[in-house]
């Protein structure tokens, strides 16, 4: 079963520099991306993760991306799509929308406009639940990459930011390990077998620094959840590090 749609998009852009630039700009805004350069790589990603949005460059090595987008729509792959293109004629925009794109952004574009349009697509999937999701006294700021409790706050690197967004939005429910690994590192970023456990250890320390009563709990064989300290008990709760 695919990990649930969260704050992660699939970026398909064949130009390596542009791909890295777009992925970095989205990351700075708290939006994680799996970034690939070919349709075959994108298909492999779509088979494993349910994304909140697709950002698609029109010019790909396999040809015009619109033909691939039409095939996706014919297969009922309905992930919202933002089309990136250097073509800005009216008929090009119409062609893109008729092929199944939900929005269109001409190159060159401003970073703020790119982020705003991607967020709009994520809202359609209800992936961007709130600009700063909150639960049990904790608040996560995607744009500021910070975790707050009361007047105290700490910085979160990209992987920890995505983990906390997923955990806070789960509202105390257990999130499976596979889902957490998918939202934190995606499918295109190399990750070691214990990366999640290391990140969880760091997040626990940050919760302690904040003075939060919430604890990050490991339900063995299932995944992790956030729980107020008063409710943490039972043989299946494990504390690592």
Protein backbone atom coordinates (compact mmCIF):
# COMPACT_ATOMS: atom_id res chain seq x y z
CA UNK A 1 0.00 0.00 0.00
CA UNK A 2 1.29 3.47 -0.92
CA UNK A 3 2.30 5.87 1.85
CA UNK A 4 -0.41 8.52 2.35
CA UNK A 5 -0.26 11.80 0.46
CA UNK A 6 1.50 14.41 2.57
CA UNK A 7 3.62 17.46 1.90
CA UNK A 8 5.64 15.93 -0.98
CA UNK A 9 5.54 16.57 -4.69
CA UNK A 10 7.04 14.87 -7.75
CA UNK A 11 9.21 17.16 -9.90
CA UNK A 12 9.99 16.01 -13.46
CA UNK A 13 12.60 18.28 -15.08
CA UNK A 14 15.34 17.04 -17.43
CA UNK A 15 17.70 20.01 -16.98
CA UNK A 16 19.82 19.10 -13.94
CA UNK A 17 20.53 22.67 -12.82
CA UNK A 18 16.89 23.75 -13.11
CA UNK A 19 15.78 20.55 -11.35
CA UNK A 20 18.09 21.25 -8.40
CA UNK A 21 17.06 24.92 -8.30
CA UNK A 22 13.31 24.21 -8.23
CA UNK A 23 13.70 21.43 -5.66
CA UNK A 24 15.78 23.73 -3.44
CA UNK A 25 13.30 26.60 -3.66
CA UNK A 26 10.43 24.28 -2.72
CA UNK A 27 12.47 22.82 0.15
CA UNK A 28 13.11 26.32 1.51
CA UNK A 29 9.32 26.76 1.60
CA UNK A 30 8.86 23.51 3.52
CA UNK A 31 7.73 21.45 0.51
CA UNK A 32 9.65 18.23 -0.09
CA UNK A 33 10.19 16.96 -3.64
CA UNK A 34 11.29 13.80 -5.38
CA UNK A 35 13.16 15.23 -8.39
CA UNK A 36 13.73 13.14 -11.52
CA UNK A 37 14.69 13.85 -15.13
CA UNK A 38 12.92 11.19 -17.16
CA UNK A 39 9.41 9.81 -17.61
CA UNK A 40 10.58 6.29 -16.73
CA UNK A 41 11.91 7.54 -13.38
CA UNK A 42 8.69 9.46 -12.75
CA UNK A 43 6.59 6.36 -13.46
CA UNK A 44 8.64 4.38 -10.93
CA UNK A 45 8.03 7.07 -8.31
CA UNK A 46 4.29 7.26 -9.00
CA UNK A 47 4.04 3.50 -8.56
CA UNK A 48 5.36 3.79 -5.00
CA UNK A 49 4.18 7.13 -3.55
CA UNK A 50 0.88 8.99 -3.65
CA UNK A 51 2.03 12.56 -4.25
CA UNK A 52 0.27 15.79 -3.38
CA UNK A 53 1.19 17.40 -6.71
CA UNK A 54 3.18 16.93 -9.92
CA UNK A 55 5.46 19.68 -11.29
CA UNK A 56 6.19 18.78 -14.90
CA UNK A 57 8.56 20.38 -17.40
CA UNK A 58 7.05 20.30 -20.87
CA UNK A 59 10.32 19.51 -22.66
CA UNK A 60 11.64 16.07 -21.68
CA UNK A 61 14.18 13.69 -23.30
CA UNK A 62 11.34 11.42 -24.37
CA UNK A 63 9.62 14.33 -26.15
CA UNK A 64 6.68 16.60 -25.34
CA UNK A 65 5.54 15.87 -21.78
CA UNK A 66 1.93 16.52 -22.73
CA UNK A 67 1.61 13.09 -24.36
CA UNK A 68 2.73 11.45 -21.11
CA UNK A 69 0.35 13.63 -19.10
CA UNK A 70 -2.52 12.58 -21.36
CA UNK A 71 -1.63 8.92 -20.73
CA UNK A 72 -1.61 9.54 -16.98
CA UNK A 73 -5.05 11.10 -17.10
CA UNK A 74 -6.34 8.26 -19.26
CA UNK A 75 -5.16 5.87 -16.51
CA UNK A 76 -7.03 7.97 -13.93
CA UNK A 77 -3.81 9.25 -12.34
CA UNK A 78 -5.36 12.52 -11.22
CA UNK A 79 -2.57 14.07 -9.12
CA UNK A 80 -2.77 17.89 -9.64
CA UNK A 81 -0.18 19.03 -12.19
CA UNK A 82 1.71 22.31 -12.62
CA UNK A 83 3.26 22.54 -16.09
CA UNK A 84 6.59 24.39 -16.45
CA UNK A 85 7.48 25.60 -19.93
CA UNK A 86 9.42 28.18 -21.89
CA UNK A 87 6.47 28.42 -24.30
CA UNK A 88 4.13 31.24 -23.36
CA UNK A 89 1.82 31.51 -26.37
CA UNK A 90 -1.90 31.24 -25.72
CA UNK A 91 -2.27 28.04 -27.76
CA UNK A 92 0.57 26.43 -25.74
CA UNK A 93 -1.23 27.22 -22.48
CA UNK A 94 -4.48 25.87 -23.90
CA UNK A 95 -2.74 22.69 -25.09
CA UNK A 96 -1.31 22.11 -21.63
CA UNK A 97 -4.62 22.59 -19.86
CA UNK A 98 -6.46 20.39 -22.32
CA UNK A 99 -3.86 17.65 -21.84
CA UNK A 100 -4.75 17.54 -18.15
CA UNK A 101 -2.54 20.16 -16.48
CA UNK A 102 -4.19 22.09 -13.64
CA UNK A 103 -1.93 25.14 -13.85
CA UNK A 104 0.75 26.62 -16.10
CA UNK A 105 3.93 28.56 -15.25
CA UNK A 106 6.18 30.07 -17.92
CA UNK A 107 9.96 30.22 -17.51
CA UNK A 108 11.62 32.26 -16.17
CA UNK A 109 9.48 32.53 -13.05
CA UNK A 110 9.78 34.05 -9.61
CA UNK A 111 10.34 31.79 -6.62
CA UNK A 112 7.32 33.15 -4.72
CA UNK A 113 4.98 32.48 -7.64
CA UNK A 114 6.25 28.91 -8.00
CA UNK A 115 5.73 28.21 -4.30
CA UNK A 116 2.27 29.82 -4.28
CA UNK A 117 1.10 27.75 -7.25
CA UNK A 118 2.43 24.49 -5.81
CA UNK A 119 0.72 25.22 -2.49
CA UNK A 120 -2.54 25.88 -4.32
CA UNK A 121 -2.30 22.42 -5.92
CA UNK A 122 -1.49 20.81 -2.58
CA UNK A 123 -4.56 22.39 -1.04
CA UNK A 124 -6.66 20.65 -3.67
CA UNK A 125 -5.43 17.34 -2.27
CA UNK A 126 -5.88 18.62 1.30
CA UNK A 127 -2.18 17.93 1.81
CA UNK A 128 -1.38 21.47 2.99
CA UNK A 129 -3.77 21.25 5.91
CA UNK A 130 -2.58 24.44 7.56
CA UNK A 131 0.27 26.88 7.12
CA UNK A 132 1.38 26.03 10.68
CA UNK A 133 -0.27 22.78 11.87
CA UNK A 134 -0.72 22.47 15.63
CA UNK A 135 -1.40 19.75 18.14
CA UNK A 136 -1.01 19.36 21.91
CA UNK A 137 0.83 22.68 22.27
CA UNK A 138 3.19 22.03 19.36
CA UNK A 139 3.24 24.14 16.21
CA UNK A 140 5.24 23.50 13.03
CA UNK A 141 6.12 26.31 10.62
CA UNK A 142 6.91 24.91 7.14
CA UNK A 143 8.18 28.24 5.82
CA UNK A 144 10.29 29.00 8.87
CA UNK A 145 11.34 25.35 9.31
CA UNK A 146 10.75 25.66 13.05
CA UNK A 147 9.04 23.65 15.78
CA UNK A 148 7.49 25.72 18.55
CA UNK A 149 6.03 25.10 21.99
CA UNK A 150 4.80 28.15 23.84
CA UNK A 151 7.39 30.89 23.39
CA UNK A 152 10.23 28.48 22.67
CA UNK A 153 11.20 27.23 19.24
CA UNK A 154 13.93 25.21 17.53
CA UNK A 155 15.14 24.92 13.94
CA UNK A 156 14.33 21.80 11.92
CA UNK A 157 16.45 20.56 9.00
CA UNK A 158 14.43 19.39 5.95
CA UNK A 159 13.99 15.73 6.91
CA UNK A 160 13.00 16.54 10.52
CA UNK A 161 10.60 19.23 9.27
CA UNK A 162 8.77 16.73 7.07
CA UNK A 163 8.64 14.18 9.90
CA UNK A 164 7.15 16.67 12.34
CA UNK A 165 4.61 17.88 9.78
CA UNK A 166 3.46 14.28 9.28
CA UNK A 167 3.37 13.50 13.01
CA UNK A 168 1.59 16.69 14.08
CA UNK A 169 -0.99 16.31 11.32
CA UNK A 170 -1.61 12.73 12.46
CA UNK A 171 -3.00 14.20 15.71
CA UNK A 172 -1.64 11.43 17.94
CA UNK A 173 -2.29 8.57 15.52
CA UNK A 174 0.54 6.17 14.64
CA UNK A 175 2.28 6.91 11.33
CA UNK A 176 3.95 3.89 9.74
CA UNK A 177 7.73 3.83 9.32
CA UNK A 178 7.44 3.49 5.54
CA UNK A 179 5.22 6.57 5.35
CA UNK A 180 7.58 8.62 7.52
CA UNK A 181 10.60 7.56 5.45
CA UNK A 182 8.74 8.48 2.26
CA UNK A 183 7.80 11.99 3.41
CA UNK A 184 11.22 12.71 4.93
CA UNK A 185 13.52 11.42 2.19
CA UNK A 186 11.33 10.37 -0.70
CA UNK A 187 12.55 7.93 -3.31
CA UNK A 188 15.40 9.85 -4.93
CA UNK A 189 17.51 10.74 -1.88
CA UNK A 190 19.95 8.09 -0.58
CA UNK A 191 19.12 7.13 3.00
CA UNK A 192 20.68 4.69 5.46
CA UNK A 193 18.67 1.96 7.19
CA UNK A 194 18.73 3.72 10.57
CA UNK A 195 18.16 7.27 9.28
CA UNK A 196 14.63 7.41 10.68
CA UNK A 197 15.73 6.25 14.14
CA UNK A 198 18.50 8.85 14.19
CA UNK A 199 16.06 11.59 13.18
CA UNK A 200 13.56 10.46 15.83
CA UNK A 201 16.30 10.60 18.47
CA UNK A 202 17.11 14.18 17.48
CA UNK A 203 13.45 15.19 17.52
CA UNK A 204 13.02 13.73 21.02
CA UNK A 205 15.92 15.84 22.22
CA UNK A 206 14.36 18.94 20.65
CA UNK A 207 11.03 18.23 22.31
CA UNK A 208 12.87 18.07 25.62
CA UNK A 209 14.66 21.36 24.90
CA UNK A 210 11.28 22.98 24.22
CA UNK A 211 9.91 21.69 27.52
CA UNK A 212 7.02 19.99 25.71
CA UNK A 213 4.86 17.43 27.51
CA UNK A 214 4.53 15.56 24.22
CA UNK A 215 6.66 12.48 23.65
CA UNK A 216 7.57 10.76 20.40
CA UNK A 217 6.59 7.11 20.89
CA UNK A 218 7.67 4.04 18.95
CA UNK A 219 4.98 1.38 18.54
CA UNK A 220 7.13 -1.66 17.77
CA UNK A 221 6.71 -3.07 14.31
CA UNK A 222 4.28 -0.33 13.27
CA UNK A 223 5.62 3.22 13.46
CA UNK A 224 5.72 6.39 15.53
CA UNK A 225 3.24 8.79 17.10
CA UNK A 226 3.14 11.89 19.28
CA UNK A 227 1.50 11.46 22.68
CA UNK A 228 1.23 13.63 25.80
CA UNK A 229 3.63 12.25 28.41
CA UNK A 230 0.80 11.42 30.82
CA UNK A 231 -0.64 8.90 28.34
CA UNK A 232 2.61 7.16 27.42
CA UNK A 233 2.53 3.69 28.91
CA UNK A 234 2.15 0.04 28.00
CA UNK A 235 4.49 -2.73 26.87
CA UNK A 236 4.34 -1.86 23.15
CA UNK A 237 5.78 1.65 23.62
CA UNK A 238 9.53 1.70 23.15
CA UNK A 239 11.88 4.59 23.77
CA UNK A 240 14.99 4.56 21.60
CA UNK A 241 17.93 6.75 22.57
